[in-house]
Amino acid sequence: MKCLAWLILPIALVIPGVASANGDGDFCVGPDYIAYQFAMAGPSDRLQWLYIVGYGAGSIADPDSIQLPRFHGTVHGLRCRADAVDVAMWHAMHTVALDSLRRPLATRAVPLLRAGDLPPWTRGTHRNLRILPSLARGTLASDRESLHTGPNGDEYVLEIAAVADSIRQCPPAIRARIVQFSRDGREVHARVLFRGPRYLPCTRRGRAAGQLIPFLDWQQRRWGYERPDGVVAITPRYLGAGEFRDGRAPVEDADGFAVIDLTGVVTDRISSDSVSVTAEPVRAPSDRCAWSGSARFESTGLECYLRELRGSGPVVGGAITRTPPGGPFKSSSAIALRLPSGVVLIEQIGYEAFTRRVLLPGVHPTHAVQWRRALYPDMPKTKEGGCSESWTTGAVSGGAFIEQAAGC
């Protein structure tokens, strides 16, 4: 699920999210075919389709397709077998049977014993036609993967490349195709599987303003910062990084959330389990934020309350990217903010779920329970398709917290 974009605070936060809520472009490679998944957007729903393209014997077949059952959430992996394709979802495993010509026959869904209890083969198998693997190495070079070599020496290759006439665009277009090469390396035949925008967003927004720009070293899985000319200014050391504004940037390191200056020196820290009591007491949420019995998912009472607590003055912190969408791992990000009132917001944003914790300085846990009940009832809410929401409260050093969790 794509988590909320924050409009309540007067700073331009960029919340990373997946380009598609359903993993459009995920693929797997079989013995002599490739299977990939895309969704067709409708006015109120998305129709999921699985495409099968066979190759070999001197040709590349036309795509065959089959509509998958309607589901909510994200594709967590595809597995190509000799006679079937497995599509892993959060609540069920969908298996598409294939005939001897690799044509899809029928789909069977088997519910998982426990939602999210995915089989081991789904781990580390995320591959997508809209992802250019060389981006992880900081280039736009074409990537080619050998799929099959025929008895006469012809080779079938999956090629993912930036479209030449779009490289200067932001973002450039990506083209994924199967190419048949002859024994002497000539391109004999090709079939385009996808042409469109890449997953990863533009990452050079700060160049014009002269700010340092965050970059991810995929090998170390650490973030650093570079100057507009591409020279590294702060070596990769952070678990997550945000954009610089007015000489400060939010980051996450081994000790938690922090704010750094242009040299990488920590100037402030934002704790997720303690707050400092301020002179002004934190007020209770007003009736405008009270639970109304709305069926909307997710509930907005905590957002409303944060708007009331905003106050005036500078906000410390911001949005932090841990794993961007479009890479080999599931996207992950966070928001760490301290408001002028001393209230702290910590939001953990995963691929399909989030938790939003608001730390209230000087507030007794019993008051936090009363305020939470005004914002949200005592019973969890579950939406069709397995999406659920729950709230909790508790004590932290210096105050209490109210936490909202939702996911699919």
Protein backbone atom coordinates (compact mmCIF):
# COMPACT_ATOMS: atom_id res chain seq x y z
CA MET A 1 0.00 0.00 0.00
CA LYS A 2 1.23 3.49 -0.65
CA CYS A 3 1.28 5.33 2.64
CA LEU A 4 0.04 8.85 3.08
CA ALA A 5 1.75 11.91 1.74
CA TRP A 6 2.04 14.45 4.54
CA LEU A 7 0.34 17.73 3.77
CA ILE A 8 -0.10 18.87 7.34
CA LEU A 9 3.36 20.29 7.94
CA PRO A 10 4.80 23.36 6.20
CA ILE A 11 7.89 21.57 4.94
CA ALA A 12 8.09 19.76 1.60
CA LEU A 13 8.44 16.15 2.63
CA VAL A 14 8.94 13.57 -0.09
CA ILE A 15 7.56 10.20 0.96
CA PRO A 16 8.92 7.41 -1.21
CA GLY A 17 6.32 4.96 -2.44
CA VAL A 18 6.14 2.16 -4.93
CA ALA A 19 5.31 3.15 -8.46
CA SER A 20 2.56 0.59 -8.53
CA ALA A 21 0.68 -0.84 -5.58
CA ASN A 22 0.57 -4.21 -7.32
CA GLY A 23 4.16 -4.79 -8.44
CA ASP A 24 3.50 -4.11 -12.14
CA GLY A 25 6.25 -5.69 -14.20
CA ASP A 26 7.34 -8.45 -11.80
CA PHE A 27 8.63 -11.42 -13.79
CA CYS A 28 10.23 -14.85 -13.58
CA VAL A 29 12.06 -17.02 -16.11
CA GLY A 30 11.06 -20.61 -16.90
CA PRO A 31 12.76 -23.35 -18.90
CA ASP A 32 11.75 -21.83 -22.25
CA TYR A 33 9.40 -18.98 -21.36
CA ILE A 34 9.13 -15.80 -19.35
CA ALA A 35 6.09 -14.84 -17.25
CA TYR A 36 5.32 -11.31 -16.12
CA GLN A 37 2.45 -9.51 -14.38
CA PHE A 38 0.75 -6.20 -15.09
CA ALA A 39 -2.49 -4.59 -14.01
CA MET A 40 -5.00 -2.70 -16.12
CA ALA A 41 -6.38 0.23 -14.16
CA GLY A 42 -10.14 0.67 -14.09
CA PRO A 43 -12.41 3.37 -12.62
CA SER A 44 -12.61 1.61 -9.24
CA ASP A 45 -10.45 -1.51 -9.44
CA ARG A 46 -7.41 -3.01 -11.14
CA LEU A 47 -7.55 -6.13 -13.28
CA GLN A 48 -4.45 -8.27 -12.82
CA TRP A 49 -3.07 -10.15 -15.81
CA LEU A 50 -0.30 -12.71 -16.13
CA TYR A 51 1.49 -12.84 -19.50
CA ILE A 52 3.45 -15.82 -20.85
CA VAL A 53 5.94 -15.50 -23.73
CA GLY A 54 7.62 -18.65 -25.01
CA TYR A 55 10.87 -18.73 -26.99
CA GLY A 56 13.09 -21.27 -28.72
CA ALA A 57 12.96 -23.36 -31.89
CA GLY A 58 13.95 -20.28 -33.89
CA SER A 59 11.14 -17.99 -32.79
CA ILE A 60 9.64 -15.85 -30.01
CA ALA A 61 5.95 -16.55 -29.49
CA ASP A 62 3.15 -14.02 -29.18
CA PRO A 63 2.19 -13.34 -25.55
CA ASP A 64 -0.55 -15.47 -24.01
CA SER A 65 -2.40 -13.99 -21.04
CA ILE A 66 -4.78 -14.98 -18.28
CA GLN A 67 -6.65 -12.77 -15.84
CA LEU A 68 -5.75 -13.39 -12.20
CA PRO A 69 -8.39 -13.34 -9.47
CA ARG A 70 -9.08 -9.90 -8.07
CA PHE A 71 -7.00 -9.25 -4.99
CA HIS A 72 -5.87 -6.41 -2.80
CA GLY A 73 -2.25 -5.76 -2.02
CA THR A 74 1.04 -6.48 -3.72
CA VAL A 75 2.63 -9.33 -5.63
CA HIS A 76 5.38 -10.73 -3.40
CA GLY A 77 7.05 -12.92 -5.96
CA LEU A 78 6.66 -14.99 -9.13
CA ARG A 79 8.06 -18.48 -9.62
CA CYS A 80 8.24 -20.14 -13.04
CA ARG A 81 8.09 -23.92 -13.08
CA ALA A 82 7.99 -26.42 -15.94
CA ASP A 83 4.19 -26.70 -15.87
CA ALA A 84 2.96 -23.74 -13.79
CA VAL A 85 3.60 -20.20 -12.56
CA ASP A 86 3.18 -19.37 -8.86
CA VAL A 87 2.06 -15.85 -7.92
CA ALA A 88 2.67 -15.14 -4.22
CA MET A 89 0.25 -12.78 -2.48
CA TRP A 90 -0.03 -11.76 1.16
CA HIS A 91 -3.06 -13.97 1.83
CA ALA A 92 -2.87 -16.68 -0.82
CA MET A 93 -0.76 -18.47 -3.40
CA HIS A 94 -2.17 -18.26 -6.93
CA THR A 95 -0.96 -21.00 -9.28
CA VAL A 96 -1.47 -20.75 -13.04
CA ALA A 97 -1.23 -24.12 -14.80
CA LEU A 98 0.47 -24.27 -18.23
CA ASP A 99 0.02 -26.71 -21.08
CA SER A 100 2.86 -28.27 -23.06
CA LEU A 101 3.04 -25.19 -25.30
CA ARG A 102 3.38 -22.89 -22.25
CA ARG A 103 -0.12 -21.53 -22.64
CA PRO A 104 -2.01 -20.65 -19.42
CA LEU A 105 -4.90 -23.00 -18.65
CA ALA A 106 -6.48 -22.13 -15.31
CA THR A 107 -5.75 -20.42 -11.98
CA ARG A 108 -6.03 -22.00 -8.55
CA ALA A 109 -5.79 -20.04 -5.30
CA VAL A 110 -4.70 -21.64 -2.02
CA PRO A 111 -5.08 -19.44 1.09
CA LEU A 112 -2.01 -19.18 3.31
CA LEU A 113 -2.37 -20.62 6.80
CA ARG A 114 -1.33 -17.23 8.12
CA ALA A 115 -1.33 -13.96 6.20
CA GLY A 116 2.18 -12.95 5.26
CA ASP A 117 3.66 -16.40 5.97
CA LEU A 118 5.24 -16.58 2.51
CA PRO A 119 7.33 -19.52 1.29
CA PRO A 120 11.13 -19.23 1.36
CA TRP A 121 11.45 -18.94 -2.43
CA THR A 122 9.83 -15.47 -2.35
CA ARG A 123 12.78 -14.01 -0.44
CA GLY A 124 15.21 -12.22 -2.66
CA THR A 125 13.35 -13.07 -5.88
CA HIS A 126 11.93 -9.62 -6.69
CA ARG A 127 12.68 -8.95 -10.36
CA ASN A 128 10.91 -6.35 -12.46
CA LEU A 129 10.87 -5.39 -16.13
CA ARG A 130 10.62 -1.73 -15.11
CA ILE A 131 13.86 -1.83 -13.11
CA LEU A 132 17.15 -1.20 -14.86
CA PRO A 133 19.64 -3.22 -12.74
CA SER A 134 22.60 -1.01 -13.72
CA LEU A 135 21.00 1.87 -11.80
CA ALA A 136 22.23 0.18 -8.63
CA ARG A 137 25.73 0.76 -10.01
CA GLY A 138 24.95 4.40 -10.81
CA THR A 139 24.74 4.02 -14.62
CA LEU A 140 22.12 3.73 -17.35
CA ALA A 141 23.91 0.87 -19.12
CA SER A 142 21.82 -1.83 -20.77
CA ASP A 143 21.45 -5.10 -18.89
CA ARG A 144 21.28 -8.41 -20.73
CA GLU A 145 20.49 -11.84 -19.31
CA SER A 146 20.91 -14.98 -21.37
CA LEU A 147 17.70 -17.01 -21.26
CA HIS A 148 18.26 -19.93 -23.60
CA THR A 149 20.62 -21.23 -26.28
CA GLY A 150 19.13 -23.28 -29.10
CA PRO A 151 20.67 -26.38 -30.73
CA ASN A 152 21.75 -24.31 -33.75
CA GLY A 153 23.60 -21.82 -31.55
CA ASP A 154 21.05 -19.00 -31.57
CA GLU A 155 20.69 -17.26 -28.20
CA TYR A 156 17.63 -15.71 -26.55
CA VAL A 157 18.36 -12.74 -24.28
CA LEU A 158 16.29 -10.59 -21.94
CA GLU A 159 17.38 -6.99 -22.47
CA ILE A 160 16.38 -4.10 -20.18
CA ALA A 161 17.66 -0.73 -21.36
CA ALA A 162 17.04 2.99 -21.18
CA VAL A 163 15.43 4.18 -24.40
CA ALA A 164 18.07 6.21 -26.24
CA ASP A 165 15.87 9.20 -27.03
CA SER A 166 14.70 9.54 -23.41
CA ILE A 167 17.97 9.38 -21.43
CA ARG A 168 17.91 13.14 -20.83
CA GLN A 169 14.34 12.95 -19.57
CA CYS A 170 13.55 12.61 -15.88
CA PRO A 171 12.81 9.79 -15.49
CA PRO A 172 14.02 8.13 -18.71
CA ALA A 173 11.90 5.48 -20.38
CA ILE A 174 12.78 1.82 -19.96
CA ARG A 175 12.31 -0.85 -22.60
CA ALA A 176 12.30 -4.55 -21.78
CA ARG A 177 12.40 -7.05 -24.65
CA ILE A 178 13.38 -10.60 -25.58
CA VAL A 179 15.97 -10.64 -28.36
CA GLN A 180 16.98 -13.59 -30.52
CA PHE A 181 20.59 -13.49 -31.72
CA SER A 182 22.13 -15.72 -34.37
CA ARG A 183 25.30 -17.71 -33.73
CA ASP A 184 27.38 -14.86 -35.22
CA GLY A 185 25.74 -12.25 -32.94
CA ARG A 186 23.21 -10.73 -35.37
CA GLU A 187 19.82 -9.66 -34.02
CA VAL A 188 17.31 -11.92 -35.73
CA HIS A 189 14.07 -11.17 -33.92
CA ALA A 190 12.85 -9.21 -30.90
CA ARG A 191 9.64 -8.83 -28.93
CA VAL A 192 9.04 -5.84 -26.66
CA LEU A 193 7.51 -6.79 -23.28
CA PHE A 194 7.37 -3.33 -21.75
CA ARG A 195 8.16 0.28 -22.64
CA GLY A 196 7.50 3.03 -20.15
CA PRO A 197 8.82 4.97 -17.16
CA ARG A 198 11.30 3.35 -14.83
CA TYR A 199 10.47 2.69 -11.20
CA LEU A 200 13.04 4.92 -9.52
CA PRO A 201 12.16 8.62 -9.30
CA CYS A 202 14.53 11.42 -10.28
CA THR A 203 17.27 11.78 -7.69
CA ARG A 204 18.85 15.03 -8.82
CA ARG A 205 16.32 17.53 -7.51
CA GLY A 206 18.92 19.23 -5.31
CA ARG A 207 21.41 20.05 -8.07
CA ALA A 208 19.95 23.41 -9.03
CA ALA A 209 19.82 24.56 -5.43
CA GLY A 210 23.40 23.44 -4.75
CA GLN A 211 22.38 21.15 -1.90
CA LEU A 212 24.07 17.87 -1.10
CA ILE A 213 22.24 14.94 -2.67
CA PRO A 214 21.68 11.57 -0.96
CA PHE A 215 22.83 8.43 -2.77
CA LEU A 216 22.65 4.75 -1.86
CA ASP A 217 25.65 2.43 -2.07
CA TRP A 218 23.83 -0.83 -2.88
CA GLN A 219 26.87 -2.93 -2.07
CA GLN A 220 27.16 -1.61 1.50
CA ARG A 221 23.44 -0.85 1.87
CA ARG A 222 24.46 2.53 3.30
CA TRP A 223 23.57 6.10 2.34
CA GLY A 224 25.95 8.96 1.73
CA TYR A 225 25.80 12.44 0.18
CA GLU A 226 27.39 13.92 -2.91
CA ARG A 227 27.85 17.45 -4.22
CA PRO A 228 26.02 18.63 -7.36
CA ASP A 229 29.17 17.89 -9.38
CA GLY A 230 29.03 14.24 -8.28
CA VAL A 231 31.93 14.39 -5.80
CA VAL A 232 31.21 12.47 -2.59
CA ALA A 233 30.89 14.87 0.33
CA ILE A 234 29.81 12.42 3.06
CA THR A 235 30.84 8.79 2.64
CA PRO A 236 28.08 6.14 2.87
CA ARG A 237 27.43 5.42 6.54
CA TYR A 238 23.69 5.88 7.17
CA LEU A 239 20.90 3.30 7.27
CA GLY A 240 18.55 5.93 5.81
CA ALA A 241 18.87 9.47 4.49
CA GLY A 242 16.69 12.48 3.71
CA GLU A 243 17.16 15.62 1.65
CA PHE A 244 19.14 18.63 2.81
CA ARG A 245 17.20 21.81 3.54
CA ASP A 246 18.85 24.95 4.87
CA GLY A 247 22.04 23.01 5.59
CA ARG A 248 20.39 20.23 7.59
CA ALA A 249 19.21 16.73 6.67
CA PRO A 250 17.43 13.95 8.59
CA VAL A 251 19.20 10.58 8.70
CA GLU A 252 19.01 7.23 10.46
CA ASP A 253 22.16 5.68 11.86
CA ALA A 254 22.94 2.85 14.26
CA ASP A 255 21.82 5.02 17.19
CA GLY A 256 18.46 6.04 15.71
CA PHE A 257 17.14 9.16 14.02
CA ALA A 258 19.31 12.27 13.81
CA VAL A 259 19.84 15.57 12.01
CA ILE A 260 23.23 16.29 10.40
CA ASP A 261 24.94 19.35 8.94
CA LEU A 262 26.79 19.60 5.63
CA THR A 263 29.88 17.94 7.12
CA GLY A 264 27.97 14.95 8.51
CA VAL A 265 28.16 16.11 12.12
CA VAL A 266 25.07 15.22 14.18
CA THR A 267 23.41 18.42 15.38
CA ASP A 268 20.30 16.89 16.93
CA ARG A 269 18.67 13.56 17.71
CA ILE A 270 15.00 12.55 17.66
CA SER A 271 14.23 9.76 20.09
CA SER A 272 11.50 7.23 19.37
CA ASP A 273 11.03 6.24 23.03
CA SER A 274 11.46 9.44 25.07
CA VAL A 275 10.42 13.09 25.06
CA SER A 276 11.34 16.20 27.03
CA VAL A 277 8.62 17.94 28.98
CA THR A 278 7.95 21.46 27.69
CA ALA A 279 6.61 24.53 29.44
CA GLU A 280 3.34 24.47 27.50
CA PRO A 281 1.17 21.43 28.34
CA VAL A 282 0.03 19.27 25.43
CA ARG A 283 -3.68 19.76 24.88
CA ALA A 284 -6.21 17.02 24.22
CA PRO A 285 -7.62 16.50 20.71
CA SER A 286 -10.67 18.62 19.93
CA ASP A 287 -14.07 17.30 18.88
CA ARG A 288 -13.13 17.98 15.25
CA CYS A 289 -10.77 14.99 15.40
CA ALA A 290 -13.17 12.65 17.22
CA TRP A 291 -14.12 9.28 15.75
CA SER A 292 -17.15 9.66 13.50
CA GLY A 293 -17.77 6.01 12.65
CA SER A 294 -16.42 6.55 9.14
CA ALA A 295 -15.64 3.45 7.10
CA ARG A 296 -12.63 5.19 5.52
CA PHE A 297 -9.40 3.20 5.62
CA GLU A 298 -7.16 4.26 7.21
CA SER A 299 -8.63 6.51 9.95
CA THR A 300 -7.64 10.18 9.94
CA GLY A 301 -8.09 11.12 13.60
CA LEU A 302 -4.36 11.08 14.39
CA GLU A 303 -3.58 13.23 11.34
CA CYS A 304 -6.19 15.73 12.53
CA TYR A 305 -4.69 15.78 16.01
CA LEU A 306 -1.18 16.41 14.62
CA ARG A 307 -2.48 19.40 12.68
CA GLU A 308 -3.82 20.80 15.93
CA LEU A 309 -0.48 20.21 17.67
CA ARG A 310 1.57 21.76 14.86
CA GLY A 311 1.94 25.22 16.40
CA SER A 312 4.40 27.75 15.01
CA GLY A 313 8.15 27.64 14.74
CA PRO A 314 10.65 25.34 13.02
CA VAL A 315 10.12 21.60 12.70
CA VAL A 316 13.14 19.36 13.28
CA GLY A 317 13.61 16.26 11.09
CA GLY A 318 11.89 15.04 7.96
CA ALA A 319 11.40 12.11 5.61
CA ILE A 320 14.08 9.41 5.46
CA THR A 321 14.52 6.78 2.73
CA ARG A 322 15.98 3.44 3.78
CA THR A 323 15.38 1.38 0.65
CA PRO A 324 14.05 3.17 -2.45
CA PRO A 325 11.39 1.59 -4.64
CA GLY A 326 12.64 -0.13 -7.73
CA GLY A 327 15.69 -1.85 -6.30
CA PRO A 328 16.26 -5.52 -5.47
CA PHE A 329 14.68 -5.09 -2.02
CA LYS A 330 11.25 -4.04 -0.78
CA SER A 331 10.93 -0.27 -0.32
CA SER A 332 11.16 1.15 3.19
CA SER A 333 11.18 4.65 4.64
CA ALA A 334 10.49 6.63 7.79
CA ILE A 335 9.45 10.04 9.05
CA ALA A 336 11.03 11.49 12.18
CA LEU A 337 9.79 14.92 13.27
CA ARG A 338 9.86 16.99 16.41
CA LEU A 339 7.25 19.75 16.44
CA PRO A 340 7.75 23.12 18.17
CA SER A 341 5.42 21.90 20.93
CA GLY A 342 7.89 19.09 21.76
CA VAL A 343 5.56 16.47 20.29
CA VAL A 344 7.46 13.83 18.28
CA LEU A 345 6.18 11.91 15.27
CA ILE A 346 7.86 8.63 14.26
CA GLU A 347 6.39 6.91 11.24
CA GLN A 348 7.70 3.59 9.92
CA ILE A 349 6.62 3.02 6.31
CA GLY A 350 6.98 -0.44 4.82
CA TYR A 351 6.03 -1.95 1.49
CA GLU A 352 2.43 -2.65 2.51
CA ALA A 353 2.00 -1.23 6.01
CA PHE A 354 2.92 1.59 8.33
CA THR A 355 3.01 2.47 12.01
CA ARG A 356 2.56 6.07 13.14
CA ARG A 357 3.63 6.86 16.68
CA VAL A 358 3.00 10.25 18.29
CA LEU A 359 4.96 10.92 21.50
CA LEU A 360 3.26 13.38 23.85
CA PRO A 361 5.56 15.10 26.41
CA GLY A 362 4.20 15.48 29.94
CA VAL A 363 1.06 13.43 29.21
CA HIS A 364 0.06 10.64 31.60
CA PRO A 365 -0.64 7.24 29.95
CA THR A 366 -4.22 7.25 31.31
CA HIS A 367 -4.90 10.52 29.46
CA ALA A 368 -3.36 9.06 26.31
CA VAL A 369 -5.83 6.14 26.55
CA GLN A 370 -8.76 8.53 26.92
CA TRP A 371 -7.62 10.63 23.96
CA ARG A 372 -7.02 7.56 21.82
CA ARG A 373 -10.56 6.33 22.51
CA ALA A 374 -11.87 9.68 21.34
CA LEU A 375 -9.87 9.34 18.09
CA TYR A 376 -10.56 5.66 17.48
CA PRO A 377 -12.77 2.98 19.08
CA ASP A 378 -11.52 -0.03 21.01
CA MET A 379 -12.15 -2.56 18.24
CA PRO A 380 -9.77 -3.20 15.30
CA LYS A 381 -11.07 -2.47 11.83
CA THR A 382 -10.61 -4.90 8.93
CA LYS A 383 -11.35 -4.07 5.32
CA GLU A 384 -12.23 -6.53 2.58
CA GLY A 385 -9.06 -8.02 1.20
CA GLY A 386 -7.32 -8.34 4.54
CA CYS A 387 -6.38 -4.71 5.22
CA SER A 388 -6.49 -4.00 8.94
CA GLU A 389 -5.97 -1.16 11.39
CA SER A 390 -5.27 -1.03 15.12
CA TRP A 391 -4.27 1.56 17.74
CA THR A 392 -2.26 1.30 20.95
CA THR A 393 -1.06 3.58 23.74
CA GLY A 394 1.68 3.36 26.34
CA ALA A 395 4.23 5.16 28.45
CA VAL A 396 7.62 6.54 27.36
CA SER A 397 10.25 8.44 29.28
CA GLY A 398 8.85 11.94 29.79
CA GLY A 399 5.31 11.23 28.64
CA ALA A 400 3.09 8.83 26.69
CA PHE A 401 2.41 7.78 23.12
CA ILE A 402 -0.50 7.05 20.80
CA GLU A 403 0.25 4.70 17.91
CA GLN A 404 -1.73 3.83 14.80
CA ALA A 405 -0.87 0.82 12.64
CA ALA A 406 -2.44 -0.15 9.30
CA GLY A 407 -1.55 -2.49 6.49
CA CYS A 408 -2.66 -4.96 3.86
